[in-house]
Protein backbone atom coordinates (compact mmCIF):
# COMPACT_ATOMS: atom_id res chain seq x y z
CA UNK A 1 -44.27 -115.93 -51.46
CA UNK A 2 -46.61 -116.46 -54.11
CA UNK A 3 -49.33 -119.20 -54.72
CA UNK A 4 -49.22 -120.88 -57.79
CA UNK A 5 -52.54 -122.14 -59.46
CA UNK A 6 -52.57 -126.01 -59.19
CA UNK A 7 -51.82 -128.04 -62.62
CA UNK A 8 -55.16 -129.27 -62.36
CA UNK A 9 -56.75 -125.86 -62.44
CA UNK A 10 -54.41 -124.89 -65.15
CA UNK A 11 -55.39 -127.88 -67.35
CA UNK A 12 -59.68 -126.99 -66.49
CA UNK A 13 -58.86 -123.68 -67.99
CA UNK A 14 -56.88 -124.73 -70.92
CA UNK A 15 -59.34 -126.80 -71.79
CA UNK A 16 -62.42 -124.70 -71.59
CA UNK A 17 -60.25 -121.76 -73.53
CA UNK A 18 -59.43 -124.51 -76.47
CA UNK A 19 -63.38 -125.08 -76.49
CA UNK A 20 -64.47 -121.76 -76.56
CA UNK A 21 -61.15 -120.45 -78.72
CA UNK A 22 -61.72 -123.37 -81.21
CA UNK A 23 -64.77 -124.69 -81.67
CA UNK A 24 -66.72 -121.59 -81.29
CA UNK A 25 -65.03 -119.65 -84.08
CA UNK A 26 -65.07 -123.12 -86.46
CA UNK A 27 -69.15 -123.05 -85.78
CA UNK A 28 -69.45 -119.71 -86.18
CA UNK A 29 -67.48 -119.45 -89.57
CA UNK A 30 -69.27 -121.80 -90.77
CA UNK A 31 -72.46 -120.33 -90.10
CA UNK A 32 -74.11 -123.20 -87.84
CA UNK A 33 -76.65 -122.11 -85.42
CA UNK A 34 -77.06 -124.96 -82.64
CA UNK A 35 -80.38 -123.22 -81.69
CA UNK A 36 -81.93 -123.52 -84.71
CA UNK A 37 -80.73 -127.25 -84.99
CA UNK A 38 -82.10 -127.93 -81.73
CA UNK A 39 -85.35 -126.14 -82.63
CA UNK A 40 -85.95 -127.94 -86.13
CA UNK A 41 -85.45 -131.25 -84.01
CA UNK A 42 -87.12 -130.71 -80.81
CA UNK A 43 -89.69 -127.84 -81.74
CA UNK A 44 -89.79 -124.06 -82.60
CA UNK A 45 -91.24 -123.24 -79.04
CA UNK A 46 -89.06 -124.82 -76.67
CA UNK A 47 -86.58 -122.33 -74.84
CA UNK A 48 -83.46 -123.28 -75.00
CA UNK A 49 -81.01 -123.18 -72.24
CA UNK A 50 -76.89 -123.37 -73.15
CA UNK A 51 -74.90 -124.87 -69.63
CA UNK A 52 -71.17 -125.86 -69.12
CA UNK A 53 -71.35 -128.85 -67.03
CA UNK A 54 -67.91 -129.90 -65.09
CA UNK A 55 -68.14 -133.52 -64.58
CA UNK A 56 -66.88 -134.73 -61.24
CA UNK A 57 -63.99 -137.93 -61.24
CA UNK A 58 -67.19 -140.18 -60.12
CA UNK A 59 -69.47 -139.32 -62.39
CA UNK A 60 -66.40 -139.17 -65.09
CA UNK A 61 -65.46 -142.97 -64.04
CA UNK A 62 -69.25 -144.27 -64.24
CA UNK A 63 -69.90 -142.65 -67.66
CA UNK A 64 -67.12 -144.25 -68.88
CA UNK A 65 -67.47 -148.08 -67.20
CA UNK A 66 -71.09 -147.39 -68.98
CA UNK A 67 -70.01 -146.04 -72.07
CA UNK A 68 -66.97 -148.73 -72.56
CA UNK A 69 -64.18 -146.44 -73.39
CA UNK A 70 -62.56 -143.36 -72.27
CA UNK A 71 -63.96 -139.93 -71.41
CA UNK A 72 -61.35 -137.20 -72.73
CA UNK A 73 -62.57 -134.44 -70.84
CA UNK A 74 -65.04 -133.50 -67.85
CA UNK A 75 -66.04 -130.43 -69.41
CA UNK A 76 -69.50 -130.86 -71.81
CA UNK A 77 -71.68 -128.54 -73.34
CA UNK A 78 -75.39 -129.51 -72.45
CA UNK A 79 -78.49 -127.32 -74.06
CA UNK A 80 -81.58 -128.27 -72.58
CA UNK A 81 -84.59 -127.93 -74.85
CA UNK A 82 -87.76 -126.53 -72.23
CA UNK A 83 -91.02 -126.95 -72.85
CA UNK A 84 -94.13 -125.95 -70.91
CA UNK A 85 -91.63 -125.84 -67.72
CA UNK A 86 -90.22 -129.44 -68.60
CA UNK A 87 -87.01 -130.44 -70.47
CA UNK A 88 -88.01 -131.51 -73.90
CA UNK A 89 -85.03 -132.82 -74.99
CA UNK A 90 -81.08 -132.16 -74.46
CA UNK A 91 -78.35 -131.77 -76.80
CA UNK A 92 -75.17 -132.78 -76.10
CA UNK A 93 -71.62 -131.27 -77.65
CA UNK A 94 -68.65 -133.55 -77.93
CA UNK A 95 -65.59 -132.22 -79.67
CA UNK A 96 -63.34 -135.29 -80.38
CA UNK A 97 -60.23 -136.45 -82.61
CA UNK A 98 -61.18 -138.57 -85.69
CA UNK A 99 -57.58 -139.31 -86.82
CA UNK A 100 -55.55 -136.50 -86.90
CA UNK A 101 -58.10 -133.50 -86.75
CA UNK A 102 -61.06 -132.88 -84.11
CA UNK A 103 -65.29 -133.05 -85.33
CA UNK A 104 -67.57 -131.29 -83.28
CA UNK A 105 -70.98 -133.38 -83.25
CA UNK A 106 -74.38 -132.40 -81.46
CA UNK A 107 -76.42 -135.45 -79.84
CA UNK A 108 -79.79 -134.74 -79.40
CA UNK A 109 -80.96 -137.12 -76.88
CA UNK A 110 -84.89 -137.17 -75.78
CA UNK A 111 -86.58 -137.45 -71.87
CA UNK A 112 -85.98 -141.25 -71.98
CA UNK A 113 -82.57 -141.69 -73.22
CA UNK A 114 -82.94 -142.19 -76.73
CA UNK A 115 -81.38 -140.13 -79.28
CA UNK A 116 -83.19 -138.17 -81.30
CA UNK A 117 -80.86 -136.61 -83.91
CA UNK A 118 -77.46 -136.15 -84.72
CA UNK A 119 -75.65 -133.28 -86.33
CA UNK A 120 -71.88 -133.13 -87.27
CA UNK A 121 -71.30 -129.36 -86.39
CA UNK A 122 -67.58 -129.13 -87.24
CA UNK A 123 -65.23 -131.65 -89.60
CA UNK A 124 -61.94 -130.74 -90.13
CA UNK A 125 -60.83 -134.22 -91.75
CA UNK A 126 -60.99 -134.27 -95.47
CA UNK A 127 -64.84 -133.83 -96.35
CA UNK A 128 -64.73 -137.13 -98.10
CA UNK A 129 -64.42 -139.03 -94.41
CA UNK A 130 -67.67 -137.02 -93.17
CA UNK A 131 -70.06 -139.34 -92.67
CA UNK A 132 -73.46 -138.71 -94.68
CA UNK A 133 -76.80 -137.67 -93.18
CA UNK A 134 -78.24 -141.29 -94.33
CA UNK A 135 -75.39 -143.32 -92.10
CA UNK A 136 -76.08 -141.14 -89.40
CA UNK A 137 -79.75 -141.76 -89.26
CA UNK A 138 -78.90 -145.49 -88.86
CA UNK A 139 -78.10 -144.14 -84.81
CA UNK A 140 -81.42 -142.41 -84.31
CA UNK A 141 -83.76 -144.46 -81.59
CA UNK A 142 -80.73 -146.04 -80.11
CA UNK A 143 -79.99 -145.71 -76.44
CA UNK A 144 -77.75 -147.48 -74.08
CA UNK A 145 -79.65 -150.85 -74.58
CA UNK A 146 -78.26 -150.99 -78.09
CA UNK A 147 -74.36 -151.97 -78.58
CA UNK A 148 -74.12 -149.33 -80.36
CA UNK A 149 -70.80 -150.78 -82.25
CA UNK A 150 -69.48 -150.11 -85.68
CA UNK A 151 -69.74 -153.47 -87.89
CA UNK A 152 -72.34 -154.70 -84.99
CA UNK A 153 -75.52 -153.03 -84.91
CA UNK A 154 -74.42 -150.12 -86.87
CA UNK A 155 -73.00 -150.33 -90.32
CA UNK A 156 -69.11 -149.49 -91.51
CA UNK A 157 -68.79 -146.29 -94.19
CA UNK A 158 -65.64 -148.31 -96.83
CA UNK A 159 -63.12 -145.51 -96.55
CA UNK A 160 -63.89 -144.04 -93.54
CA UNK A 161 -64.19 -146.20 -90.71
CA UNK A 162 -62.28 -143.98 -87.96
CA UNK A 163 -65.31 -141.24 -88.89
CA UNK A 164 -68.05 -144.06 -88.24
CA UNK A 165 -66.30 -144.95 -84.80
CA UNK A 166 -65.74 -141.68 -83.88
CA UNK A 167 -69.42 -140.74 -84.04
CA UNK A 168 -70.54 -144.10 -82.88
CA UNK A 169 -68.35 -144.23 -79.60
CA UNK A 170 -69.53 -140.09 -79.37
CA UNK A 171 -73.38 -141.36 -79.31
CA UNK A 172 -72.49 -143.89 -76.24
CA UNK A 173 -70.42 -141.17 -74.41
CA UNK A 174 -72.99 -138.72 -75.04
CA UNK A 175 -75.96 -141.38 -73.43
CA UNK A 176 -73.73 -142.32 -70.80
CA UNK A 177 -73.36 -138.73 -69.89
CA UNK A 178 -77.03 -138.20 -69.90
CA UNK A 179 -77.78 -141.51 -67.96
CA UNK A 180 -75.11 -140.48 -65.10
CA UNK A 181 -74.65 -136.50 -65.01
CA UNK A 182 -78.55 -135.77 -66.28
CA UNK A 183 -80.45 -138.31 -64.94
CA UNK A 184 -78.26 -139.60 -62.09
CA UNK A 185 -78.85 -143.47 -62.47
């Protein structure tokens, strides 16, 4: 009798395939070069290492508790910007549903766990709902000691509340991933 792959293995395979099939062509079609974005923010002399990280159940639960929200995938795309043998900053790409379509956002975090920069890589909702750079700059310098809640320490965007909430919640998730899975706190 043939042994069938477990449902969990198949689900993980399809999530990885989905991220690879949907996100990669979307970024390449738009001419987005993540390496250039990270080097522009973290310094052109950094060496970039790209990784996919699979979170354990324990890490996922801890991240959800710290971020105060549900984690939709245990697969995380991670970029390490190394300089002189040390990691200078980290890039975490999260792909999440905004309203009916997805957005992929790169969160750059320094060694202290502070948001250095945020770049929207792909946004498939109507362009008028995409947060502007001026609004995104409100999240720079924030860490897990800040509430990171739209309407509290992050201003709302009239007519694009779901987009603002998506980017802000993603920032909380990225910081929690950094804290739990990367720094091991």
